């Protein structure tokens, strides 16, 4: 399988990065919630 990375537009890359940051923010929220629950059980 050959990937044609040179055909990806700058706009698509930018949008993917920008929208992907929301995933990190949601991940952080879940990790914080998990850690808070773990602190209560100590």
Protein backbone atom coordinates (compact mmCIF):
# COMPACT_ATOMS: atom_id res chain seq x y z
CA UNK A 1 0.00 0.00 0.00
CA UNK A 2 1.43 3.33 -1.01
CA UNK A 3 0.35 6.55 0.68
CA UNK A 4 0.15 9.67 -1.42
CA UNK A 5 0.95 12.21 1.26
CA UNK A 6 1.98 14.78 -1.30
CA UNK A 7 -1.68 15.09 -2.41
CA UNK A 8 -2.91 16.35 0.97
CA UNK A 9 -3.82 20.01 0.96
CA UNK A 10 -2.54 22.45 3.56
CA UNK A 11 -6.14 23.31 4.43
CA UNK A 12 -6.96 19.70 5.27
CA UNK A 13 -3.86 19.37 7.43
CA UNK A 14 -4.68 22.60 9.26
CA UNK A 15 -8.30 21.57 9.87
CA UNK A 16 -7.26 18.14 11.12
CA UNK A 17 -4.81 19.63 13.59
CA UNK A 18 -7.23 22.30 14.76
CA UNK A 19 -10.11 19.87 15.22
CA UNK A 20 -7.85 17.23 16.73
CA UNK A 21 -7.00 19.53 19.63
CA UNK A 22 -10.55 19.06 20.90
CA UNK A 23 -9.76 15.37 21.31
CA UNK A 24 -6.82 16.21 23.57
CA UNK A 25 -8.96 18.58 25.63
CA UNK A 26 -11.59 15.87 26.11
CA UNK A 27 -8.90 13.34 26.99
CA UNK A 28 -7.52 15.68 29.66
CA UNK A 29 -11.00 16.11 31.15
CA UNK A 30 -11.42 12.34 31.42
CA UNK A 31 -7.98 11.85 32.95
CA UNK A 32 -8.62 14.56 35.55
CA UNK A 33 -11.95 13.00 36.41
CA UNK A 34 -10.34 9.59 36.79
CA UNK A 35 -7.58 10.96 39.02
CA UNK A 36 -10.10 12.76 41.22
CA UNK A 37 -12.05 9.52 41.68
CA UNK A 38 -8.84 7.67 42.56
CA UNK A 39 -7.95 10.29 45.18
CA UNK A 40 -11.30 9.74 46.89
CA UNK A 41 -10.56 6.02 47.23
CA UNK A 42 -7.21 6.51 48.97
